[in-house]
Amino acid sequence: MKKRYSTNSMNRRRRQLQVQRNIFMTILSVMAVILLSVFVISISTQASDLQHTAKYKYYKSIEVSKGDTLWSIAKEHIDTDHYKNVQEYVNEIKTMNSIKSDHILSGSSLIIPYYSATPAQKGY
């Protein structure tokens, strides 16, 4: 009789361990699904944001008019989605045009960057 009691006890213990494993695996599976869902939503949101803000960078030549300064030109043409402030845009204009100071001459030409939501048409 003692042997039967021992077998029943062992079976009960095995069953408890199996139930605990099943609960653990269920919790682990639910956590994996939640993490995967968060990851997928995050990726799709980032891709969606990129589609809405995607712009193409171009360059154009402008002629400096009397009274123009680098700052006034920058304020007129800056794209605040791509530059933190006017100083950053002025610095890029200066670099592109190899200008060391803030002084520009009326009648001279400057190359300035600008952004457009549409790609340029290639003319052959």
PDB file of N, CA and C in Angstrom:
ATOM      1  N   MET A   1       0.810  -1.181   0.000  1.00  0.00           N
ATOM      2  CA  MET A   1       0.000   0.000   0.000  1.00  0.00           C
ATOM      3  C   MET A   1       0.861   1.255   0.000  1.00  0.00           C
ATOM      4  N   LYS A   2       1.959   1.201   0.673  1.00  0.00           N
ATOM      5  CA  LYS A   2       2.852   2.340   0.738  1.00  0.00           C
ATOM      6  C   LYS A   2       3.353   2.703  -0.650  1.00  0.00           C
ATOM      7  N   LYS A   3       3.597   1.718  -1.497  1.00  0.00           N
ATOM      8  CA  LYS A   3       4.080   1.953  -2.834  1.00  0.00           C
ATOM      9  C   LYS A   3       3.036   2.724  -3.650  1.00  0.00           C
ATOM     10  N   ARG A   4       1.753   2.377  -3.525  1.00  0.00           N
ATOM     11  CA  ARG A   4       0.678   3.057  -4.239  1.00  0.00           C
ATOM     12  C   ARG A   4       0.599   4.516  -3.793  1.00  0.00           C
ATOM     13  N   TYR A   5       0.707   4.764  -2.509  1.00  0.00           N
ATOM     14  CA  TYR A   5       0.667   6.118  -1.986  1.00  0.00           C
ATOM     15  C   TYR A   5       1.814   6.938  -2.558  1.00  0.00           C
ATOM     16  N   SER A   6       2.939   6.337  -2.647  1.00  0.00           N
ATOM     17  CA  SER A   6       4.113   6.995  -3.183  1.00  0.00           C
ATOM     18  C   SER A   6       3.917   7.315  -4.665  1.00  0.00           C
ATOM     19  N   THR A   7       3.319   6.401  -5.421  1.00  0.00           N
ATOM     20  CA  THR A   7       3.063   6.619  -6.839  1.00  0.00           C
ATOM     21  C   THR A   7       2.048   7.730  -7.023  1.00  0.00           C
ATOM     22  N   ASN A   8       0.996   7.721  -6.229  1.00  0.00           N
ATOM     23  CA  ASN A   8      -0.009   8.787  -6.305  1.00  0.00           C
ATOM     24  C   ASN A   8       0.608  10.140  -5.969  1.00  0.00           C
ATOM     25  N   SER A   9       1.433  10.159  -4.974  1.00  0.00           N
ATOM     26  CA  SER A   9       2.098  11.384  -4.564  1.00  0.00           C
ATOM     27  C   SER A   9       3.022  11.886  -5.674  1.00  0.00           C
ATOM     28  N   MET A  10       3.732  10.991  -6.297  1.00  0.00           N
ATOM     29  CA  MET A  10       4.641  11.370  -7.378  1.00  0.00           C
ATOM     30  C   MET A  10       3.846  11.873  -8.582  1.00  0.00           C
ATOM     31  N   ASN A  11       2.745  11.205  -8.889  1.00  0.00           N
ATOM     32  CA  ASN A  11       1.912  11.634 -10.011  1.00  0.00           C
ATOM     33  C   ASN A  11       1.324  13.024  -9.760  1.00  0.00           C
ATOM     34  N   ARG A  12       0.886  13.237  -8.522  1.00  0.00           N
ATOM     35  CA  ARG A  12       0.340  14.539  -8.162  1.00  0.00           C
ATOM     36  C   ARG A  12       1.411  15.621  -8.299  1.00  0.00           C
ATOM     37  N   ARG A  13       2.604  15.326  -7.861  1.00  0.00           N
ATOM     38  CA  ARG A  13       3.716  16.293  -7.961  1.00  0.00           C
ATOM     39  C   ARG A  13       4.068  16.573  -9.425  1.00  0.00           C
ATOM     40  N   ARG A  14       4.103  15.524 -10.261  1.00  0.00           N
ATOM     41  CA  ARG A  14       4.367  15.705 -11.690  1.00  0.00           C
ATOM     42  C   ARG A  14       3.295  16.576 -12.328  1.00  0.00           C
ATOM     43  N   ARG A  15       2.062  16.315 -11.948  1.00  0.00           N
ATOM     44  CA  ARG A  15       0.955  17.099 -12.495  1.00  0.00           C
ATOM     45  C   ARG A  15       1.072  18.569 -12.080  1.00  0.00           C
ATOM     46  N   GLN A  16       1.439  18.832 -10.844  1.00  0.00           N
ATOM     47  CA  GLN A  16       1.627  20.210 -10.372  1.00  0.00           C
ATOM     48  C   GLN A  16       2.743  20.898 -11.155  1.00  0.00           C
ATOM     49  N   LEU A  17       3.845  20.185 -11.373  1.00  0.00           N
ATOM     50  CA  LEU A  17       4.955  20.758 -12.137  1.00  0.00           C
ATOM     51  C   LEU A  17       4.536  21.050 -13.577  1.00  0.00           C
ATOM     52  N   GLN A  18       3.752  20.130 -14.163  1.00  0.00           N
ATOM     53  CA  GLN A  18       3.280  20.335 -15.531  1.00  0.00           C
ATOM     54  C   GLN A  18       2.362  21.555 -15.603  1.00  0.00           C
ATOM     55  N   VAL A  19       1.484  21.725 -14.655  1.00  0.00           N
ATOM     56  CA  VAL A  19       0.594  22.891 -14.612  1.00  0.00           C
ATOM     57  C   VAL A  19       1.413  24.170 -14.448  1.00  0.00           C
ATOM     58  N   GLN A  20       2.414  24.140 -13.577  1.00  0.00           N
ATOM     59  CA  GLN A  20       3.273  25.310 -13.397  1.00  0.00           C
ATOM     60  C   GLN A  20       4.015  25.647 -14.683  1.00  0.00           C
ATOM     61  N   ARG A  21       4.541  24.628 -15.378  1.00  0.00           N
ATOM     62  CA  ARG A  21       5.211  24.860 -16.658  1.00  0.00           C
ATOM     63  C   ARG A  21       4.254  25.452 -17.685  1.00  0.00           C
ATOM     64  N   ASN A  22       3.042  24.934 -17.729  1.00  0.00           N
ATOM     65  CA  ASN A  22       2.050  25.445 -18.673  1.00  0.00           C
ATOM     66  C   ASN A  22       1.709  26.912 -18.391  1.00  0.00           C
ATOM     67  N   ILE A  23       1.555  27.245 -17.135  1.00  0.00           N
ATOM     68  CA  ILE A  23       1.268  28.634 -16.751  1.00  0.00           C
ATOM     69  C   ILE A  23       2.443  29.529 -17.132  1.00  0.00           C
ATOM     70  N   PHE A  24       3.659  29.091 -16.827  1.00  0.00           N
ATOM     71  CA  PHE A  24       4.857  29.854 -17.161  1.00  0.00           C
ATOM     72  C   PHE A  24       4.962  30.078 -18.671  1.00  0.00           C
ATOM     73  N   MET A  25       4.744  29.016 -19.463  1.00  0.00           N
ATOM     74  CA  MET A  25       4.835  29.129 -20.923  1.00  0.00           C
ATOM     75  C   MET A  25       3.747  30.051 -21.471  1.00  0.00           C
ATOM     76  N   THR A  26       2.565  30.016 -20.896  1.00  0.00           N
ATOM     77  CA  THR A  26       1.480  30.898 -21.324  1.00  0.00           C
ATOM     78  C   THR A  26       1.843  32.349 -21.053  1.00  0.00           C
ATOM     79  N   ILE A  27       2.343  32.629 -19.860  1.00  0.00           N
ATOM     80  CA  ILE A  27       2.759  33.998 -19.512  1.00  0.00           C
ATOM     81  C   ILE A  27       3.887  34.455 -20.428  1.00  0.00           C
ATOM     82  N   LEU A  28       4.861  33.593 -20.659  1.00  0.00           N
ATOM     83  CA  LEU A  28       5.976  33.922 -21.540  1.00  0.00           C
ATOM     84  C   LEU A  28       5.485  34.198 -22.966  1.00  0.00           C
ATOM     85  N   SER A  29       4.570  33.411 -23.448  1.00  0.00           N
ATOM     86  CA  SER A  29       4.019  33.610 -24.800  1.00  0.00           C
ATOM     87  C   SER A  29       3.267  34.929 -24.908  1.00  0.00           C
ATOM     88  N   VAL A  30       2.461  35.238 -23.909  1.00  0.00           N
ATOM     89  CA  VAL A  30       1.720  36.501 -23.914  1.00  0.00           C
ATOM     90  C   VAL A  30       2.684  37.683 -23.902  1.00  0.00           C
ATOM     91  N   MET A  31       3.737  37.605 -23.098  1.00  0.00           N
ATOM     92  CA  MET A  31       4.727  38.687 -23.052  1.00  0.00           C
ATOM     93  C   MET A  31       5.432  38.836 -24.398  1.00  0.00           C
ATOM     94  N   ALA A  32       5.763  37.728 -25.047  1.00  0.00           N
ATOM     95  CA  ALA A  32       6.422  37.778 -26.350  1.00  0.00           C
ATOM     96  C   ALA A  32       5.511  38.421 -27.390  1.00  0.00           C
ATOM     97  N   VAL A  33       4.239  38.080 -27.372  1.00  0.00           N
ATOM     98  CA  VAL A  33       3.276  38.675 -28.317  1.00  0.00           C
ATOM     99  C   VAL A  33       3.150  40.171 -28.064  1.00  0.00           C
ATOM    100  N   ILE A  34       3.093  40.578 -26.823  1.00  0.00           N
ATOM    101  CA  ILE A  34       2.989  42.008 -26.497  1.00  0.00           C
ATOM    102  C   ILE A  34       4.232  42.750 -26.964  1.00  0.00           C
ATOM    103  N   LEU A  35       5.410  42.222 -26.678  1.00  0.00           N
ATOM    104  CA  LEU A  35       6.651  42.872 -27.109  1.00  0.00           C
ATOM    105  C   LEU A  35       6.744  42.949 -28.628  1.00  0.00           C
ATOM    106  N   LEU A  36       6.388  41.906 -29.302  1.00  0.00           N
ATOM    107  CA  LEU A  36       6.411  41.895 -30.761  1.00  0.00           C
ATOM    108  C   LEU A  36       5.422  42.916 -31.323  1.00  0.00           C
ATOM    109  N   SER A  37       4.249  43.012 -30.722  1.00  0.00           N
ATOM    110  CA  SER A  37       3.249  43.988 -31.165  1.00  0.00           C
ATOM    111  C   SER A  37       3.756  45.416 -30.990  1.00  0.00           C
ATOM    112  N   VAL A  38       4.355  45.695 -29.855  1.00  0.00           N
ATOM    113  CA  VAL A  38       4.906  47.030 -29.605  1.00  0.00           C
ATOM    114  C   VAL A  38       5.996  47.348 -30.622  1.00  0.00           C
ATOM    115  N   PHE A  39       6.851  46.396 -30.914  1.00  0.00           N
ATOM    116  CA  PHE A  39       7.924  46.583 -31.890  1.00  0.00           C
ATOM    117  C   PHE A  39       7.359  46.879 -33.274  1.00  0.00           C
ATOM    118  N   VAL A  40       6.393  46.099 -33.714  1.00  0.00           N
ATOM    119  CA  VAL A  40       5.801  46.286 -35.039  1.00  0.00           C
ATOM    120  C   VAL A  40       5.099  47.633 -35.134  1.00  0.00           C
ATOM    121  N   ILE A  41       4.362  48.007 -34.121  1.00  0.00           N
ATOM    122  CA  ILE A  41       3.669  49.307 -34.116  1.00  0.00           C
ATOM    123  C   ILE A  41       4.681  50.439 -34.148  1.00  0.00           C
ATOM    124  N   SER A  42       5.752  50.304 -33.394  1.00  0.00           N
ATOM    125  CA  SER A  42       6.798  51.327 -33.370  1.00  0.00           C
ATOM    126  C   SER A  42       7.429  51.501 -34.744  1.00  0.00           C
ATOM    127  N   ILE A  43       7.759  50.410 -35.389  1.00  0.00           N
ATOM    128  CA  ILE A  43       8.374  50.457 -36.722  1.00  0.00           C
ATOM    129  C   ILE A  43       7.414  51.078 -37.734  1.00  0.00           C
ATOM    130  N   SER A  44       6.158  50.679 -37.708  1.00  0.00           N
ATOM    131  CA  SER A  44       5.202  51.215 -38.681  1.00  0.00           C
ATOM    132  C   SER A  44       4.937  52.698 -38.434  1.00  0.00           C
ATOM    133  N   THR A  45       4.934  53.131 -37.190  1.00  0.00           N
ATOM    134  CA  THR A  45       4.739  54.544 -36.878  1.00  0.00           C
ATOM    135  C   THR A  45       5.919  55.361 -37.385  1.00  0.00           C
ATOM    136  N   GLN A  46       7.138  54.859 -37.197  1.00  0.00           N
ATOM    137  CA  GLN A  46       8.317  55.570 -37.684  1.00  0.00           C
ATOM    138  C   GLN A  46       8.310  55.658 -39.196  1.00  0.00           C
ATOM    139  N   ALA A  47       7.929  54.592 -39.870  1.00  0.00           N
ATOM    140  CA  ALA A  47       7.870  54.596 -41.331  1.00  0.00           C
ATOM    141  C   ALA A  47       6.808  55.571 -41.807  1.00  0.00           C
ATOM    142  N   SER A  48       5.698  55.632 -41.119  1.00  0.00           N
ATOM    143  CA  SER A  48       4.623  56.552 -41.480  1.00  0.00           C
ATOM    144  C   SER A  48       5.082  57.998 -41.305  1.00  0.00           C
ATOM    145  N   ASP A  49       5.785  58.276 -40.212  1.00  0.00           N
ATOM    146  CA  ASP A  49       6.302  59.626 -39.977  1.00  0.00           C
ATOM    147  C   ASP A  49       7.296  60.030 -41.057  1.00  0.00           C
ATOM    148  N   LEU A  50       8.129  59.100 -41.482  1.00  0.00           N
ATOM    149  CA  LEU A  50       9.111  59.399 -42.515  1.00  0.00           C
ATOM    150  C   LEU A  50       8.438  59.724 -43.837  1.00  0.00           C
ATOM    151  N   GLN A  51       7.355  59.035 -44.152  1.00  0.00           N
ATOM    152  CA  GLN A  51       6.654  59.298 -45.400  1.00  0.00           C
ATOM    153  C   GLN A  51       6.064  60.695 -45.406  1.00  0.00           C
ATOM    154  N   HIS A  52       5.564  61.154 -44.265  1.00  0.00           N
ATOM    155  CA  HIS A  52       4.934  62.463 -44.201  1.00  0.00           C
ATOM    156  C   HIS A  52       5.936  63.604 -44.186  1.00  0.00           C
ATOM    157  N   THR A  53       7.148  63.360 -43.689  1.00  0.00           N
ATOM    158  CA  THR A  53       8.127  64.433 -43.574  1.00  0.00           C
ATOM    159  C   THR A  53       9.248  64.341 -44.598  1.00  0.00           C
ATOM    160  N   ALA A  54       9.193  63.339 -45.457  1.00  0.00           N
ATOM    161  CA  ALA A  54      10.270  63.171 -46.438  1.00  0.00           C
ATOM    162  C   ALA A  54      10.294  64.356 -47.399  1.00  0.00           C
ATOM    163  N   LYS A  55      11.443  64.967 -47.501  1.00  0.00           N
ATOM    164  CA  LYS A  55      11.645  66.070 -48.426  1.00  0.00           C
ATOM    165  C   LYS A  55      12.980  65.874 -49.114  1.00  0.00           C
ATOM    166  N   TYR A  56      13.073  66.433 -50.275  1.00  0.00           N
ATOM    167  CA  TYR A  56      14.293  66.341 -51.066  1.00  0.00           C
ATOM    168  C   TYR A  56      15.071  67.640 -50.935  1.00  0.00           C
ATOM    169  N   LYS A  57      16.384  67.532 -50.795  1.00  0.00           N
ATOM    170  CA  LYS A  57      17.231  68.707 -50.633  1.00  0.00           C
ATOM    171  C   LYS A  57      17.757  69.135 -51.996  1.00  0.00           C
ATOM    172  N   TYR A  58      17.603  70.419 -52.290  1.00  0.00           N
ATOM    173  CA  TYR A  58      18.076  70.991 -53.543  1.00  0.00           C
ATOM    174  C   TYR A  58      18.892  72.240 -53.246  1.00  0.00           C
ATOM    175  N   TYR A  59      19.484  72.766 -54.280  1.00  0.00           N
ATOM    176  CA  TYR A  59      20.289  73.978 -54.161  1.00  0.00           C
ATOM    177  C   TYR A  59      19.876  74.930 -55.280  1.00  0.00           C
ATOM    178  N   LYS A  60      19.873  76.217 -54.957  1.00  0.00           N
ATOM    179  CA  LYS A  60      19.577  77.206 -55.997  1.00  0.00           C
ATOM    180  C   LYS A  60      20.484  78.409 -55.809  1.00  0.00           C
ATOM    181  N   SER A  61      20.628  79.137 -56.880  1.00  0.00           N
ATOM    182  CA  SER A  61      21.456  80.340 -56.866  1.00  0.00           C
ATOM    183  C   SER A  61      20.540  81.550 -56.729  1.00  0.00           C
ATOM    184  N   ILE A  62      20.899  82.442 -55.825  1.00  0.00           N
ATOM    185  CA  ILE A  62      20.144  83.687 -55.690  1.00  0.00           C
ATOM    186  C   ILE A  62      21.111  84.860 -55.830  1.00  0.00           C
ATOM    187  N   GLU A  63      20.585  85.989 -56.251  1.00  0.00           N
ATOM    188  CA  GLU A  63      21.404  87.195 -56.355  1.00  0.00           C
ATOM    189  C   GLU A  63      21.157  88.050 -55.122  1.00  0.00           C
ATOM    190  N   VAL A  64      22.232  88.525 -54.544  1.00  0.00           N
ATOM    191  CA  VAL A  64      22.148  89.359 -53.347  1.00  0.00           C
ATOM    192  C   VAL A  64      21.708  90.760 -53.760  1.00  0.00           C
ATOM    193  N   SER A  65      20.628  91.215 -53.161  1.00  0.00           N
ATOM    194  CA  SER A  65      20.115  92.564 -53.430  1.00  0.00           C
ATOM    195  C   SER A  65      20.692  93.544 -52.417  1.00  0.00           C
ATOM    196  N   LYS A  66      20.584  94.813 -52.735  1.00  0.00           N
ATOM    197  CA  LYS A  66      21.069  95.852 -51.826  1.00  0.00           C
ATOM    198  C   LYS A  66      20.303  95.753 -50.507  1.00  0.00           C
ATOM    199  N   GLY A  67      21.009  95.769 -49.421  1.00  0.00           N
ATOM    200  CA  GLY A  67      20.408  95.684 -48.092  1.00  0.00           C
ATOM    201  C   GLY A  67      20.273  94.258 -47.564  1.00  0.00           C
ATOM    202  N   ASP A  68      20.515  93.265 -48.419  1.00  0.00           N
ATOM    203  CA  ASP A  68      20.444  91.875 -47.963  1.00  0.00           C
ATOM    204  C   ASP A  68      21.613  91.545 -47.043  1.00  0.00           C
ATOM    205  N   THR A  69      21.353  90.705 -46.070  1.00  0.00           N
ATOM    206  CA  THR A  69      22.399  90.144 -45.211  1.00  0.00           C
ATOM    207  C   THR A  69      22.235  88.630 -45.232  1.00  0.00           C
ATOM    208  N   LEU A  70      23.247  87.933 -44.779  1.00  0.00           N
ATOM    209  CA  LEU A  70      23.122  86.479 -44.687  1.00  0.00           C
ATOM    210  C   LEU A  70      21.942  86.096 -43.796  1.00  0.00           C
ATOM    211  N   TRP A  71      21.757  86.865 -42.751  1.00  0.00           N
ATOM    212  CA  TRP A  71      20.679  86.579 -41.812  1.00  0.00           C
ATOM    213  C   TRP A  71      19.307  86.818 -42.444  1.00  0.00           C
ATOM    214  N   SER A  72      19.151  87.896 -43.199  1.00  0.00           N
ATOM    215  CA  SER A  72      17.846  88.164 -43.823  1.00  0.00           C
ATOM    216  C   SER A  72      17.540  87.112 -44.895  1.00  0.00           C
ATOM    217  N   ILE A  73      18.560  86.708 -45.646  1.00  0.00           N
ATOM    218  CA  ILE A  73      18.374  85.664 -46.657  1.00  0.00           C
ATOM    219  C   ILE A  73      18.019  84.344 -45.971  1.00  0.00           C
ATOM    220  N   ALA A  74      18.731  84.026 -44.903  1.00  0.00           N
ATOM    221  CA  ALA A  74      18.482  82.778 -44.172  1.00  0.00           C
ATOM    222  C   ALA A  74      17.073  82.760 -43.585  1.00  0.00           C
ATOM    223  N   LYS A  75      16.640  83.870 -42.998  1.00  0.00           N
ATOM    224  CA  LYS A  75      15.300  83.938 -42.416  1.00  0.00           C
ATOM    225  C   LYS A  75      14.225  83.757 -43.484  1.00  0.00           C
ATOM    226  N   GLU A  76      14.492  84.240 -44.678  1.00  0.00           N
ATOM    227  CA  GLU A  76      13.521  84.138 -45.767  1.00  0.00           C
ATOM    228  C   GLU A  76      13.434  82.718 -46.332  1.00  0.00           C
ATOM    229  N   HIS A  77      14.534  81.984 -46.344  1.00  0.00           N
ATOM    230  CA  HIS A  77      14.577  80.688 -47.021  1.00  0.00           C
ATOM    231  C   HIS A  77      14.691  79.470 -46.104  1.00  0.00           C
ATOM    232  N   ILE A  78      14.806  79.680 -44.810  1.00  0.00           N
ATOM    233  CA  ILE A  78      15.033  78.556 -43.891  1.00  0.00           C
ATOM    234  C   ILE A  78      13.849  77.586 -43.879  1.00  0.00           C
ATOM    235  N   ASP A  79      14.152  76.307 -43.746  1.00  0.00           N
ATOM    236  CA  ASP A  79      13.151  75.260 -43.550  1.00  0.00           C
ATOM    237  C   ASP A  79      13.332  74.769 -42.113  1.00  0.00           C
ATOM    238  N   THR A  80      12.434  75.165 -41.249  1.00  0.00           N
ATOM    239  CA  THR A  80      12.597  74.878 -39.813  1.00  0.00           C
ATOM    240  C   THR A  80      12.469  73.394 -39.481  1.00  0.00           C
ATOM    241  N   ASP A  81      12.004  72.588 -40.434  1.00  0.00           N
ATOM    242  CA  ASP A  81      11.964  71.145 -40.200  1.00  0.00           C
ATOM    243  C   ASP A  81      13.356  70.522 -40.301  1.00  0.00           C
ATOM    244  N   HIS A  82      14.280  71.231 -40.975  1.00  0.00           N
ATOM    245  CA  HIS A  82      15.602  70.662 -41.219  1.00  0.00           C
ATOM    246  C   HIS A  82      16.742  71.421 -40.541  1.00  0.00           C
ATOM    247  N   TYR A  83      16.463  72.574 -39.988  1.00  0.00           N
ATOM    248  CA  TYR A  83      17.500  73.354 -39.297  1.00  0.00           C
ATOM    249  C   TYR A  83      16.987  73.742 -37.922  1.00  0.00           C
ATOM    250  N   LYS A  84      17.870  73.642 -36.936  1.00  0.00           N
ATOM    251  CA  LYS A  84      17.487  73.969 -35.567  1.00  0.00           C
ATOM    252  C   LYS A  84      17.202  75.452 -35.401  1.00  0.00           C
ATOM    253  N   ASN A  85      18.013  76.275 -36.081  1.00  0.00           N
ATOM    254  CA  ASN A  85      17.862  77.723 -35.960  1.00  0.00           C
ATOM    255  C   ASN A  85      18.488  78.414 -37.170  1.00  0.00           C
ATOM    256  N   VAL A  86      18.329  79.729 -37.241  1.00  0.00           N
ATOM    257  CA  VAL A  86      18.841  80.504 -38.373  1.00  0.00           C
ATOM    258  C   VAL A  86      20.364  80.437 -38.424  1.00  0.00           C
ATOM    259  N   GLN A  87      21.025  80.426 -37.274  1.00  0.00           N
ATOM    260  CA  GLN A  87      22.485  80.365 -37.229  1.00  0.00           C
ATOM    261  C   GLN A  87      22.999  79.116 -37.947  1.00  0.00           C
ATOM    262  N   GLU A  88      22.350  77.989 -37.732  1.00  0.00           N
ATOM    263  CA  GLU A  88      22.759  76.747 -38.382  1.00  0.00           C
ATOM    264  C   GLU A  88      22.621  76.871 -39.914  1.00  0.00           C
ATOM    265  N   TYR A  89      21.538  77.490 -40.372  1.00  0.00           N
ATOM    266  CA  TYR A  89      21.322  77.676 -41.809  1.00  0.00           C
ATOM    267  C   TYR A  89      22.350  78.655 -42.387  1.00  0.00           C
ATOM    268  N   VAL A  90      22.627  79.741 -41.675  1.00  0.00           N
ATOM    269  CA  VAL A  90      23.651  80.707 -42.103  1.00  0.00           C
ATOM    270  C   VAL A  90      25.004  80.012 -42.225  1.00  0.00           C
ATOM    271  N   ASN A  91      25.341  79.183 -41.251  1.00  0.00           N
ATOM    272  CA  ASN A  91      26.619  78.454 -41.292  1.00  0.00           C
ATOM    273  C   ASN A  91      26.706  77.555 -42.518  1.00  0.00           C
ATOM    274  N   GLU A  92      25.598  76.889 -42.873  1.00  0.00           N
ATOM    275  CA  GLU A  92      25.624  76.036 -44.058  1.00  0.00           C
ATOM    276  C   GLU A  92      25.801  76.875 -45.328  1.00  0.00           C
ATOM    277  N   ILE A  93      25.117  78.002 -45.416  1.00  0.00           N
ATOM    278  CA  ILE A  93      25.280  78.893 -46.580  1.00  0.00           C
ATOM    279  C   ILE A  93      26.722  79.370 -46.680  1.00  0.00           C
ATOM    280  N   LYS A  94      27.298  79.762 -45.551  1.00  0.00           N
ATOM    281  CA  LYS A  94      28.690  80.225 -45.548  1.00  0.00           C
ATOM    282  C   LYS A  94      29.640  79.120 -45.990  1.00  0.00           C
ATOM    283  N   THR A  95      29.438  77.917 -45.511  1.00  0.00           N
ATOM    284  CA  THR A  95      30.291  76.789 -45.886  1.00  0.00           C
ATOM    285  C   THR A  95      30.166  76.479 -47.373  1.00  0.00           C
ATOM    286  N   MET A  96      28.949  76.433 -47.863  1.00  0.00           N
ATOM    287  CA  MET A  96      28.713  76.103 -49.271  1.00  0.00           C
ATOM    288  C   MET A  96      29.336  77.126 -50.215  1.00  0.00           C
ATOM    289  N   ASN A  97      29.359  78.390 -49.776  1.00  0.00           N
ATOM    290  CA  ASN A  97      29.855  79.465 -50.634  1.00  0.00           C
ATOM    291  C   ASN A  97      31.272  79.905 -50.270  1.00  0.00           C
ATOM    292  N   SER A  98      31.925  79.183 -49.377  1.00  0.00           N
ATOM    293  CA  SER A  98      33.289  79.501 -48.926  1.00  0.00           C
ATOM    294  C   SER A  98      33.399  80.941 -48.433  1.00  0.00           C
ATOM    295  N   ILE A  99      32.447  81.330 -47.616  1.00  0.00           N
ATOM    296  CA  ILE A  99      32.433  82.682 -47.037  1.00  0.00           C
ATOM    297  C   ILE A  99      32.955  82.583 -45.612  1.00  0.00           C
ATOM    298  N   LYS A 100      33.919  83.437 -45.286  1.00  0.00           N
ATOM    299  CA  LYS A 100      34.505  83.413 -43.940  1.00  0.00           C
ATOM    300  C   LYS A 100      33.797  84.371 -42.976  1.00  0.00           C
ATOM    301  N   SER A 101      33.305  85.510 -43.490  1.00  0.00           N
ATOM    302  CA  SER A 101      32.650  86.489 -42.623  1.00  0.00           C
ATOM    303  C   SER A 101      31.162  86.551 -42.953  1.00  0.00           C
ATOM    304  N   ASP A 102      30.447  87.390 -42.219  1.00  0.00           N
ATOM    305  CA  ASP A 102      29.012  87.569 -42.483  1.00  0.00           C
ATOM    306  C   ASP A 102      28.757  88.617 -43.563  1.00  0.00           C
ATOM    307  N   HIS A 103      29.790  89.232 -44.099  1.00  0.00           N
ATOM    308  CA  HIS A 103      29.654  90.305 -45.086  1.00  0.00           C
ATOM    309  C   HIS A 103      29.446  89.728 -46.485  1.00  0.00           C
ATOM    310  N   ILE A 104      28.385  90.204 -47.181  1.00  0.00           N
ATOM    311  CA  ILE A 104      28.140  89.810 -48.572  1.00  0.00           C
ATOM    312  C   ILE A 104      27.925  91.065 -49.402  1.00  0.00           C
ATOM    313  N   LEU A 105      28.222  90.991 -50.674  1.00  0.00           N
ATOM    314  CA  LEU A 105      28.130  92.153 -51.555  1.00  0.00           C
ATOM    315  C   LEU A 105      26.867  92.103 -52.404  1.00  0.00           C
ATOM    316  N   SER A 106      26.240  93.261 -52.559  1.00  0.00           N
ATOM    317  CA  SER A 106      25.085  93.385 -53.436  1.00  0.00           C
ATOM    318  C   SER A 106      25.504  93.028 -54.862  1.00  0.00           C
ATOM    319  N   GLY A 107      24.674  92.240 -55.544  1.00  0.00           N
ATOM    320  CA  GLY A 107      24.971  91.836 -56.910  1.00  0.00           C
ATOM    321  C   GLY A 107      25.700  90.501 -57.001  1.00  0.00           C
ATOM    322  N   SER A 108      26.221  90.021 -55.902  1.00  0.00           N
ATOM    323  CA  SER A 108      26.903  88.719 -55.936  1.00  0.00           C
ATOM    324  C   SER A 108      25.864  87.593 -55.866  1.00  0.00           C
ATOM    325  N   SER A 109      26.301  86.401 -56.186  1.00  0.00           N
ATOM    326  CA  SER A 109      25.402  85.244 -56.165  1.00  0.00           C
ATOM    327  C   SER A 109      25.764  84.330 -55.007  1.00  0.00           C
ATOM    328  N   LEU A 110      24.742  83.716 -54.443  1.00  0.00           N
ATOM    329  CA  LEU A 110      24.920  82.742 -53.373  1.00  0.00           C
ATOM    330  C   LEU A 110      24.187  81.458 -53.750  1.00  0.00           C
ATOM    331  N   ILE A 111      24.763  80.348 -53.388  1.00  0.00           N
ATOM    332  CA  ILE A 111      24.080  79.063 -53.505  1.00  0.00           C
ATOM    333  C   ILE A 111      23.469  78.781 -52.140  1.00  0.00           C
ATOM    334  N   ILE A 112      22.156  78.509 -52.129  1.00  0.00           N
ATOM    335  CA  ILE A 112      21.487  78.212 -50.866  1.00  0.00           C
ATOM    336  C   ILE A 112      20.737  76.883 -50.991  1.00  0.00           C
ATOM    337  N   PRO A 113      20.672  76.135 -49.902  1.00  0.00           N
ATOM    338  CA  PRO A 113      19.908  74.885 -49.914  1.00  0.00           C
ATOM    339  C   PRO A 113      18.430  75.164 -49.638  1.00  0.00           C
ATOM    340  N   TYR A 114      17.586  74.334 -50.212  1.00  0.00           N
ATOM    341  CA  TYR A 114      16.164  74.384 -49.891  1.00  0.00           C
ATOM    342  C   TYR A 114      15.593  72.978 -50.012  1.00  0.00           C
ATOM    343  N   TYR A 115      14.414  72.784 -49.480  1.00  0.00           N
ATOM    344  CA  TYR A 115      13.785  71.465 -49.469  1.00  0.00           C
ATOM    345  C   TYR A 115      12.447  71.520 -50.190  1.00  0.00           C
ATOM    346  N   SER A 116      12.121  70.413 -50.846  1.00  0.00           N
ATOM    347  CA  SER A 116      10.852  70.290 -51.549  1.00  0.00           C
ATOM    348  C   SER A 116      10.308  68.890 -51.319  1.00  0.00           C
ATOM    349  N   ALA A 117       8.992  68.782 -51.249  1.00  0.00           N
ATOM    350  CA  ALA A 117       8.366  67.476 -51.028  1.00  0.00           C
ATOM    351  C   ALA A 117       8.341  66.637 -52.299  1.00  0.00           C
ATOM    352  N   THR A 118       8.560  67.257 -53.438  1.00  0.00           N
ATOM    353  CA  THR A 118       8.527  66.514 -54.707  1.00  0.00           C
ATOM    354  C   THR A 118       9.933  66.342 -55.266  1.00  0.00           C
ATOM    355  N   PRO A 119      10.200  65.188 -55.828  1.00  0.00           N
ATOM    356  CA  PRO A 119      11.531  64.977 -56.432  1.00  0.00           C
ATOM    357  C   PRO A 119      11.679  65.780 -57.707  1.00  0.00           C
ATOM    358  N   ALA A 120      12.900  66.144 -58.009  1.00  0.00           N
ATOM    359  CA  ALA A 120      13.177  66.918 -59.226  1.00  0.00           C
ATOM    360  C   ALA A 120      12.981  66.036 -60.444  1.00  0.00           C
ATOM    361  N   GLN A 121      12.504  66.652 -61.519  1.00  0.00           N
ATOM    362  CA  GLN A 121      12.381  65.940 -62.788  1.00  0.00           C
ATOM    363  C   GLN A 121      13.735  65.956 -63.474  1.00  0.00           C
ATOM    364  N   LYS A 122      14.174  64.803 -63.915  1.00  0.00           N
ATOM    365  CA  LYS A 122      15.460  64.721 -64.598  1.00  0.00           C
ATOM    366  C   LYS A 122      15.261  65.104 -66.054  1.00  0.00           C
ATOM    367  N   GLY A 123      15.957  66.121 -66.476  1.00  0.00           N
ATOM    368  CA  GLY A 123      15.884  66.537 -67.865  1.00  0.00           C
ATOM    369  C   GLY A 123      17.091  66.020 -68.622  1.00  0.00           C
ATOM    370  N   TYR A 124      16.862  65.287 -69.671  1.00  0.00           N
ATOM    371  CA  TYR A 124      17.978  64.734 -70.438  1.00  0.00           C
ATOM    372  C   TYR A 124      18.102  65.455 -71.731  1.00  0.00           C
TER     373      TYR A 124
END
